[in-house]
Amino acid sequence: MAAAAGLAGALVLTGCSDDGGSGEDSATPAPTPSATATAGSGGAGGSGASASPAGALEGSWLTTAGGRAVALMVTGEQAALFATGGTVCSGTARKDAGTHTIRLKCADGNEDRANGTVDSVGASSLKVTWEGAPGTETYTKAEGGKLPSGLPATGLGS
């Protein structure tokens, strides 16, 4: 129960981390990527080779894996992942050549979720295939900082 409460608290904090794109990162409570590409440029014009923001991936997404809660948050091109047990990752989420990709760097050096490709995204479900051990994971969208219904919360690890 404490893990679920902590995860809900993280969602509430990340839900109000972006006030509209001023380009100032000092107000965001989530870890910021070590190398953020074109954070304040907007990005819709320019050459065909540039990446665009993740768009449909925007929001907070939750799943469970190995008895642990996993939260993936996307705001613009920034992405963060938190898992019970202390995993904290940050990076980018972009649409390159028609494919959504997620690139993360974890503080503990774990690379299981370093590179992911979005298989599908809908109003309430996100399916990501990670190059690492988790393989394919299906996330449920969290609305208003609340845990989605149907997410198993019993026995979530420390």
N, C-alpha and C. Protein backbone atom coordinates (compact mmCIF):
# COMPACT_ATOMS: atom_id res chain seq x y z
N MET A 1 0.81 -1.19 0.00
CA MET A 1 0.00 0.00 0.00
C MET A 1 0.86 1.26 0.00
N ALA A 2 1.97 1.24 0.76
CA ALA A 2 2.85 2.42 0.79
C ALA A 2 3.44 2.69 -0.57
N ALA A 3 3.75 1.61 -1.32
CA ALA A 3 4.31 1.78 -2.66
C ALA A 3 3.29 2.45 -3.58
N ALA A 4 2.04 2.01 -3.50
CA ALA A 4 0.99 2.60 -4.33
C ALA A 4 0.77 4.05 -3.97
N ALA A 5 0.82 4.38 -2.69
CA ALA A 5 0.64 5.78 -2.27
C ALA A 5 1.79 6.64 -2.75
N GLY A 6 3.01 6.12 -2.68
CA GLY A 6 4.17 6.86 -3.17
C GLY A 6 4.10 7.10 -4.66
N LEU A 7 3.64 6.08 -5.40
CA LEU A 7 3.50 6.20 -6.84
C LEU A 7 2.43 7.23 -7.18
N ALA A 8 1.32 7.21 -6.45
CA ALA A 8 0.27 8.21 -6.68
C ALA A 8 0.79 9.61 -6.41
N GLY A 9 1.62 9.77 -5.37
CA GLY A 9 2.21 11.07 -5.08
C GLY A 9 3.11 11.54 -6.20
N ALA A 10 3.89 10.62 -6.78
CA ALA A 10 4.76 10.98 -7.91
C ALA A 10 3.93 11.44 -9.09
N LEU A 11 2.79 10.78 -9.31
CA LEU A 11 1.92 11.17 -10.42
C LEU A 11 1.34 12.56 -10.22
N VAL A 12 0.95 12.86 -9.01
CA VAL A 12 0.40 14.19 -8.72
C VAL A 12 1.45 15.25 -9.00
N LEU A 13 2.68 15.02 -8.55
CA LEU A 13 3.74 15.99 -8.78
C LEU A 13 4.05 16.17 -10.25
N THR A 14 4.12 15.08 -11.01
CA THR A 14 4.46 15.21 -12.42
C THR A 14 3.31 15.77 -13.22
N GLY A 15 2.09 15.64 -12.73
CA GLY A 15 0.93 16.17 -13.44
C GLY A 15 0.95 17.68 -13.53
N CYS A 16 1.70 18.37 -12.67
CA CYS A 16 1.72 19.82 -12.72
C CYS A 16 3.13 20.34 -12.95
N SER A 17 3.94 19.57 -13.66
CA SER A 17 5.32 19.97 -13.85
C SER A 17 5.54 20.89 -15.03
N ASP A 18 4.57 21.07 -15.94
CA ASP A 18 4.80 21.88 -17.13
C ASP A 18 3.75 22.97 -17.21
N ASP A 19 4.21 24.23 -17.14
CA ASP A 19 3.28 25.35 -17.19
C ASP A 19 3.12 25.96 -18.56
N GLY A 20 3.68 25.34 -19.61
CA GLY A 20 3.40 25.86 -20.93
C GLY A 20 4.59 26.12 -21.81
N GLY A 21 5.73 25.57 -21.56
CA GLY A 21 6.80 25.61 -22.54
C GLY A 21 7.66 26.84 -22.52
N SER A 22 7.96 27.42 -21.40
CA SER A 22 8.84 28.58 -21.37
C SER A 22 10.28 28.18 -21.62
N GLY A 23 10.54 26.85 -21.56
CA GLY A 23 11.90 26.38 -21.77
C GLY A 23 12.72 26.33 -20.50
N GLU A 24 12.15 26.77 -19.38
CA GLU A 24 12.85 26.76 -18.11
C GLU A 24 12.60 25.43 -17.44
N ASP A 25 13.67 24.68 -17.15
CA ASP A 25 13.55 23.37 -16.56
C ASP A 25 13.57 23.40 -15.04
N SER A 26 13.82 24.54 -14.41
CA SER A 26 14.00 24.59 -12.96
C SER A 26 12.72 24.28 -12.19
N ALA A 27 11.54 24.38 -12.79
CA ALA A 27 10.30 24.15 -12.07
C ALA A 27 9.84 22.70 -12.14
N THR A 28 10.51 21.83 -12.87
CA THR A 28 10.05 20.46 -13.01
C THR A 28 10.58 19.60 -11.88
N PRO A 29 9.68 18.89 -11.15
CA PRO A 29 10.13 18.05 -10.06
C PRO A 29 10.74 16.73 -10.53
N ALA A 30 10.43 16.29 -11.75
CA ALA A 30 10.97 15.04 -12.26
C ALA A 30 12.40 15.25 -12.75
N PRO A 31 13.21 14.20 -12.73
CA PRO A 31 14.58 14.34 -13.24
C PRO A 31 14.54 14.74 -14.70
N THR A 32 15.47 15.59 -15.10
CA THR A 32 15.53 16.01 -16.49
C THR A 32 16.62 15.22 -17.21
N PRO A 33 16.45 15.02 -18.51
CA PRO A 33 17.45 14.27 -19.26
C PRO A 33 18.80 14.98 -19.24
N SER A 34 19.87 14.20 -19.31
CA SER A 34 21.20 14.79 -19.31
C SER A 34 21.49 15.49 -20.63
N ALA A 35 20.81 15.08 -21.69
CA ALA A 35 20.99 15.72 -22.99
C ALA A 35 19.63 15.85 -23.64
N THR A 36 19.00 17.02 -23.52
CA THR A 36 17.69 17.25 -24.10
C THR A 36 17.86 17.97 -25.42
N ALA A 37 17.30 17.40 -26.48
CA ALA A 37 17.42 18.00 -27.80
C ALA A 37 16.32 19.03 -28.02
N THR A 38 16.67 20.21 -28.45
CA THR A 38 15.76 21.29 -28.83
C THR A 38 14.58 21.46 -27.89
N ALA A 39 14.84 21.62 -26.61
CA ALA A 39 13.78 21.70 -25.62
C ALA A 39 12.84 22.87 -25.85
N GLY A 40 13.31 24.01 -26.33
CA GLY A 40 12.43 25.16 -26.46
C GLY A 40 12.11 25.56 -27.89
N SER A 41 12.47 24.73 -28.88
CA SER A 41 12.34 25.17 -30.26
C SER A 41 11.00 24.86 -30.89
N GLY A 42 10.16 24.04 -30.30
CA GLY A 42 8.86 23.75 -30.88
C GLY A 42 8.91 22.62 -31.87
N GLY A 43 9.68 22.72 -32.92
CA GLY A 43 10.03 21.61 -33.77
C GLY A 43 9.11 21.20 -34.89
N ALA A 44 8.04 21.87 -35.28
CA ALA A 44 7.18 21.36 -36.33
C ALA A 44 7.71 21.64 -37.72
N GLY A 45 8.52 22.65 -37.91
CA GLY A 45 9.05 22.96 -39.23
C GLY A 45 10.38 22.31 -39.44
N GLY A 46 11.21 22.91 -40.30
CA GLY A 46 12.58 22.43 -40.47
C GLY A 46 12.69 21.25 -41.38
N SER A 47 13.84 20.58 -41.30
CA SER A 47 14.12 19.47 -42.21
C SER A 47 13.35 18.23 -41.81
N GLY A 48 13.17 17.32 -42.75
CA GLY A 48 12.45 16.09 -42.51
C GLY A 48 13.20 15.15 -41.59
N ALA A 49 14.47 15.41 -41.31
CA ALA A 49 15.26 14.51 -40.49
C ALA A 49 15.09 14.75 -39.00
N SER A 50 14.47 15.86 -38.61
CA SER A 50 14.37 16.15 -37.18
C SER A 50 13.23 15.37 -36.54
N ALA A 51 13.37 15.11 -35.25
CA ALA A 51 12.36 14.39 -34.49
C ALA A 51 11.29 15.36 -34.03
N SER A 52 10.09 14.85 -33.81
CA SER A 52 9.01 15.69 -33.30
C SER A 52 8.60 15.18 -31.93
N PRO A 53 7.89 16.02 -31.15
CA PRO A 53 7.45 15.58 -29.83
C PRO A 53 6.58 14.33 -29.91
N ALA A 54 6.44 13.66 -28.81
CA ALA A 54 5.76 12.38 -28.77
C ALA A 54 4.24 12.47 -28.97
N GLY A 55 3.62 13.63 -28.71
CA GLY A 55 2.20 13.83 -28.97
C GLY A 55 1.28 12.86 -28.26
N ALA A 56 0.90 11.77 -28.92
CA ALA A 56 -0.06 10.80 -28.40
C ALA A 56 0.43 10.13 -27.12
N LEU A 57 1.72 10.18 -26.84
CA LEU A 57 2.27 9.55 -25.65
C LEU A 57 2.13 10.42 -24.40
N GLU A 58 1.75 11.69 -24.56
CA GLU A 58 1.62 12.63 -23.44
C GLU A 58 0.81 12.03 -22.30
N GLY A 59 1.33 12.16 -21.09
CA GLY A 59 0.58 11.74 -19.92
C GLY A 59 1.35 10.80 -19.03
N SER A 60 0.64 10.24 -18.06
CA SER A 60 1.21 9.30 -17.09
C SER A 60 0.64 7.92 -17.37
N TRP A 61 1.51 6.94 -17.48
CA TRP A 61 1.16 5.57 -17.83
C TRP A 61 1.68 4.63 -16.75
N LEU A 62 0.88 3.63 -16.36
CA LEU A 62 1.26 2.74 -15.27
C LEU A 62 1.13 1.27 -15.67
N THR A 63 2.02 0.46 -15.11
CA THR A 63 1.94 -1.00 -15.25
C THR A 63 2.58 -1.63 -14.03
N THR A 64 2.52 -2.93 -13.95
CA THR A 64 3.26 -3.66 -12.93
C THR A 64 4.16 -4.67 -13.64
N ALA A 65 5.33 -4.90 -13.09
CA ALA A 65 6.28 -5.85 -13.66
C ALA A 65 7.09 -6.46 -12.53
N GLY A 66 7.13 -7.76 -12.45
CA GLY A 66 7.90 -8.42 -11.42
C GLY A 66 7.50 -8.03 -10.02
N GLY A 67 6.21 -7.76 -9.81
CA GLY A 67 5.73 -7.38 -8.49
C GLY A 67 6.02 -5.93 -8.11
N ARG A 68 6.41 -5.12 -9.08
CA ARG A 68 6.72 -3.70 -8.82
C ARG A 68 5.85 -2.81 -9.70
N ALA A 69 5.46 -1.67 -9.16
CA ALA A 69 4.73 -0.68 -9.94
C ALA A 69 5.73 0.09 -10.81
N VAL A 70 5.35 0.35 -12.06
CA VAL A 70 6.19 1.09 -12.98
C VAL A 70 5.35 2.24 -13.55
N ALA A 71 5.86 3.46 -13.43
CA ALA A 71 5.18 4.64 -13.96
C ALA A 71 6.05 5.29 -15.02
N LEU A 72 5.47 5.51 -16.20
CA LEU A 72 6.15 6.17 -17.31
C LEU A 72 5.41 7.47 -17.57
N MET A 73 6.11 8.61 -17.49
CA MET A 73 5.51 9.90 -17.72
C MET A 73 6.15 10.57 -18.93
N VAL A 74 5.30 11.17 -19.78
CA VAL A 74 5.78 11.85 -20.98
C VAL A 74 5.16 13.24 -21.04
N THR A 75 6.02 14.26 -21.17
CA THR A 75 5.59 15.64 -21.33
C THR A 75 6.44 16.23 -22.46
N GLY A 76 5.79 16.53 -23.59
CA GLY A 76 6.54 17.03 -24.74
C GLY A 76 7.53 15.97 -25.20
N GLU A 77 8.81 16.34 -25.26
CA GLU A 77 9.85 15.39 -25.63
C GLU A 77 10.52 14.75 -24.42
N GLN A 78 10.12 15.15 -23.22
CA GLN A 78 10.75 14.62 -22.01
C GLN A 78 9.98 13.39 -21.52
N ALA A 79 10.75 12.39 -21.07
CA ALA A 79 10.16 11.17 -20.52
C ALA A 79 10.85 10.84 -19.21
N ALA A 80 10.10 10.25 -18.30
CA ALA A 80 10.66 9.79 -17.02
C ALA A 80 10.00 8.48 -16.67
N LEU A 81 10.75 7.61 -16.02
CA LEU A 81 10.21 6.33 -15.58
C LEU A 81 10.62 6.12 -14.13
N PHE A 82 9.66 5.70 -13.32
CA PHE A 82 9.89 5.41 -11.91
C PHE A 82 9.34 4.03 -11.63
N ALA A 83 10.06 3.24 -10.84
CA ALA A 83 9.56 1.94 -10.42
C ALA A 83 9.79 1.79 -8.93
N THR A 84 8.85 1.12 -8.26
CA THR A 84 9.05 0.88 -6.84
C THR A 84 10.34 0.09 -6.68
N GLY A 85 11.04 0.37 -5.62
CA GLY A 85 12.34 -0.24 -5.42
C GLY A 85 13.46 0.74 -5.71
N GLY A 86 13.11 1.93 -6.23
CA GLY A 86 14.10 2.98 -6.39
C GLY A 86 14.58 3.28 -7.79
N THR A 87 14.06 2.61 -8.81
CA THR A 87 14.50 2.90 -10.17
C THR A 87 13.97 4.27 -10.61
N VAL A 88 14.88 5.13 -11.07
CA VAL A 88 14.53 6.46 -11.56
C VAL A 88 15.28 6.65 -12.88
N CYS A 89 14.53 6.92 -13.95
CA CYS A 89 15.13 7.09 -15.28
C CYS A 89 14.56 8.36 -15.92
N SER A 90 15.35 8.98 -16.78
CA SER A 90 14.85 10.13 -17.53
C SER A 90 15.45 10.11 -18.92
N GLY A 91 14.77 10.79 -19.85
CA GLY A 91 15.24 10.82 -21.23
C GLY A 91 14.23 11.48 -22.14
N THR A 92 14.06 10.91 -23.32
CA THR A 92 13.22 11.52 -24.35
C THR A 92 12.20 10.53 -24.90
N ALA A 93 11.12 11.10 -25.45
CA ALA A 93 10.10 10.35 -26.19
C ALA A 93 9.84 11.15 -27.45
N ARG A 94 10.06 10.53 -28.59
CA ARG A 94 9.93 11.24 -29.87
C ARG A 94 9.29 10.36 -30.92
N LYS A 95 8.86 11.03 -31.98
CA LYS A 95 8.36 10.32 -33.15
C LYS A 95 9.37 10.54 -34.26
N ASP A 96 10.09 9.49 -34.60
CA ASP A 96 11.10 9.54 -35.67
C ASP A 96 10.64 8.65 -36.81
N ALA A 97 10.56 9.19 -38.01
CA ALA A 97 10.20 8.44 -39.21
C ALA A 97 8.93 7.61 -38.99
N GLY A 98 7.94 8.21 -38.31
CA GLY A 98 6.66 7.55 -38.12
C GLY A 98 6.58 6.60 -36.94
N THR A 99 7.68 6.38 -36.23
CA THR A 99 7.71 5.47 -35.10
C THR A 99 8.02 6.23 -33.82
N HIS A 100 7.21 6.00 -32.79
CA HIS A 100 7.49 6.60 -31.48
C HIS A 100 8.60 5.80 -30.80
N THR A 101 9.59 6.51 -30.30
CA THR A 101 10.68 5.86 -29.57
C THR A 101 10.86 6.53 -28.21
N ILE A 102 11.30 5.73 -27.24
CA ILE A 102 11.57 6.22 -25.89
C ILE A 102 13.01 5.86 -25.58
N ARG A 103 13.79 6.86 -25.18
CA ARG A 103 15.20 6.66 -24.83
C ARG A 103 15.40 7.16 -23.40
N LEU A 104 15.84 6.26 -22.51
CA LEU A 104 15.98 6.60 -21.10
C LEU A 104 17.37 6.25 -20.58
N LYS A 105 17.80 6.99 -19.58
CA LYS A 105 19.02 6.70 -18.85
C LYS A 105 18.64 6.64 -17.38
N CYS A 106 18.95 5.50 -16.74
CA CYS A 106 18.57 5.30 -15.34
C CYS A 106 19.71 5.65 -14.41
N ALA A 107 19.37 6.27 -13.28
CA ALA A 107 20.37 6.71 -12.30
C ALA A 107 21.21 5.55 -11.76
N ASP A 108 20.61 4.36 -11.69
CA ASP A 108 21.33 3.21 -11.15
C ASP A 108 22.11 2.44 -12.22
N GLY A 109 22.10 2.93 -13.47
CA GLY A 109 22.85 2.28 -14.55
C GLY A 109 22.11 1.14 -15.23
N ASN A 110 20.92 0.79 -14.75
CA ASN A 110 20.14 -0.29 -15.35
C ASN A 110 19.74 0.11 -16.77
N GLU A 111 19.90 -0.80 -17.72
CA GLU A 111 19.58 -0.50 -19.12
C GLU A 111 18.41 -1.32 -19.64
N ASP A 112 17.64 -1.98 -18.76
CA ASP A 112 16.50 -2.79 -19.20
C ASP A 112 15.48 -1.98 -19.99
N ARG A 113 15.26 -0.74 -19.59
CA ARG A 113 14.29 0.12 -20.28
C ARG A 113 14.98 1.33 -20.91
N ALA A 114 16.18 1.15 -21.40
CA ALA A 114 16.92 2.26 -22.00
C ALA A 114 16.37 2.64 -23.37
N ASN A 115 15.95 1.67 -24.15
CA ASN A 115 15.47 1.92 -25.51
C ASN A 115 14.17 1.17 -25.74
N GLY A 116 13.12 1.93 -26.08
CA GLY A 116 11.82 1.31 -26.32
C GLY A 116 11.18 1.82 -27.59
N THR A 117 10.39 0.96 -28.21
CA THR A 117 9.62 1.31 -29.40
C THR A 117 8.15 1.13 -29.06
N VAL A 118 7.35 2.13 -29.37
CA VAL A 118 5.92 2.07 -29.09
C VAL A 118 5.24 1.24 -30.17
N ASP A 119 4.60 0.15 -29.74
CA ASP A 119 3.87 -0.71 -30.68
C ASP A 119 2.49 -0.13 -30.97
N SER A 120 1.84 0.41 -29.92
CA SER A 120 0.52 1.01 -30.10
C SER A 120 0.25 1.97 -28.95
N VAL A 121 -0.57 2.97 -29.23
CA VAL A 121 -0.99 3.92 -28.21
C VAL A 121 -2.43 4.32 -28.49
N GLY A 122 -3.25 4.27 -27.44
CA GLY A 122 -4.66 4.64 -27.55
C GLY A 122 -5.01 5.59 -26.42
N ALA A 123 -6.29 5.85 -26.26
CA ALA A 123 -6.73 6.78 -25.22
C ALA A 123 -6.41 6.28 -23.82
N SER A 124 -6.39 4.97 -23.61
CA SER A 124 -6.17 4.45 -22.27
C SER A 124 -5.11 3.35 -22.19
N SER A 125 -4.45 3.02 -23.30
CA SER A 125 -3.48 1.93 -23.29
C SER A 125 -2.26 2.26 -24.15
N LEU A 126 -1.10 1.89 -23.65
CA LEU A 126 0.17 2.11 -24.33
C LEU A 126 0.96 0.80 -24.29
N LYS A 127 1.43 0.35 -25.45
CA LYS A 127 2.21 -0.89 -25.52
C LYS A 127 3.61 -0.54 -26.03
N VAL A 128 4.63 -0.85 -25.20
CA VAL A 128 6.02 -0.53 -25.50
C VAL A 128 6.83 -1.82 -25.52
N THR A 129 7.68 -1.98 -26.54
CA THR A 129 8.62 -3.09 -26.56
C THR A 129 9.99 -2.52 -26.24
N TRP A 130 10.55 -2.97 -25.11
CA TRP A 130 11.87 -2.53 -24.67
C TRP A 130 12.92 -3.49 -25.21
N GLU A 131 14.09 -2.97 -25.55
CA GLU A 131 15.18 -3.82 -26.03
C GLU A 131 15.73 -4.70 -24.92
N GLY A 132 15.53 -4.31 -23.66
CA GLY A 132 16.04 -5.05 -22.51
C GLY A 132 15.10 -6.12 -22.01
N ALA A 133 15.37 -6.60 -20.81
CA ALA A 133 14.68 -7.73 -20.19
C ALA A 133 13.16 -7.62 -20.08
N PRO A 134 12.57 -6.44 -19.85
CA PRO A 134 11.11 -6.43 -19.72
C PRO A 134 10.40 -6.89 -20.99
N GLY A 135 11.03 -6.73 -22.16
CA GLY A 135 10.35 -7.08 -23.41
C GLY A 135 9.19 -6.15 -23.65
N THR A 136 8.01 -6.72 -23.95
CA THR A 136 6.83 -5.91 -24.23
C THR A 136 6.02 -5.70 -22.96
N GLU A 137 5.69 -4.42 -22.69
CA GLU A 137 4.87 -4.07 -21.54
C GLU A 137 3.66 -3.26 -22.01
N THR A 138 2.53 -3.49 -21.36
CA THR A 138 1.32 -2.72 -21.64
C THR A 138 1.02 -1.83 -20.44
N TYR A 139 0.91 -0.53 -20.69
CA TYR A 139 0.66 0.47 -19.66
C TYR A 139 -0.78 0.96 -19.76
N THR A 140 -1.33 1.37 -18.63
CA THR A 140 -2.67 1.96 -18.56
C THR A 140 -2.52 3.43 -18.20
N LYS A 141 -3.28 4.29 -18.88
CA LYS A 141 -3.17 5.73 -18.64
C LYS A 141 -3.80 6.11 -17.30
N ALA A 142 -3.09 6.93 -16.55
CA ALA A 142 -3.58 7.47 -15.29
C ALA A 142 -4.16 8.85 -15.57
N GLU A 143 -5.36 9.09 -15.10
CA GLU A 143 -6.02 10.38 -15.30
C GLU A 143 -6.12 11.13 -13.99
N GLY A 144 -5.77 12.40 -13.99
CA GLY A 144 -5.94 13.25 -12.82
C GLY A 144 -5.13 12.82 -11.60
N GLY A 145 -3.98 12.20 -11.82
CA GLY A 145 -3.14 11.80 -10.70
C GLY A 145 -3.65 10.60 -9.93
N LYS A 146 -4.65 9.88 -10.47
CA LYS A 146 -5.23 8.72 -9.79
C LYS A 146 -4.74 7.45 -10.45
N LEU A 147 -4.60 6.40 -9.63
CA LEU A 147 -4.24 5.10 -10.17
C LEU A 147 -5.41 4.57 -11.00
N PRO A 148 -5.13 3.99 -12.17
CA PRO A 148 -6.22 3.45 -12.99
C PRO A 148 -6.83 2.22 -12.32
N SER A 149 -8.11 1.98 -12.61
CA SER A 149 -8.76 0.78 -12.06
C SER A 149 -8.18 -0.45 -12.77
N GLY A 150 -8.17 -1.56 -12.05
CA GLY A 150 -7.66 -2.80 -12.62
C GLY A 150 -6.16 -2.99 -12.48
N LEU A 151 -5.45 -1.98 -11.99
CA LEU A 151 -4.00 -2.12 -11.79
C LEU A 151 -3.77 -2.88 -10.50
N PRO A 152 -3.13 -4.07 -10.58
CA PRO A 152 -2.92 -4.82 -9.34
C PRO A 152 -2.01 -4.05 -8.41
N ALA A 153 -2.44 -3.83 -7.17
CA ALA A 153 -1.66 -3.05 -6.22
C ALA A 153 -1.20 -3.90 -5.03
N THR A 154 -1.75 -5.10 -4.89
CA THR A 154 -1.35 -5.94 -3.77
C THR A 154 0.02 -6.55 -4.03
N GLY A 155 0.84 -6.55 -3.03
CA GLY A 155 2.15 -7.20 -3.12
C GLY A 155 3.17 -6.44 -3.93
N LEU A 156 2.95 -5.17 -4.22
CA LEU A 156 3.95 -4.41 -4.96
C LEU A 156 5.17 -4.22 -4.08
N GLY A 157 6.34 -4.50 -4.67
CA GLY A 157 7.59 -4.59 -3.93
C GLY A 157 8.10 -3.29 -3.35
N SER A 158 9.15 -3.48 -2.56
CA SER A 158 9.78 -2.35 -1.87
C SER A 158 10.84 -1.71 -2.71
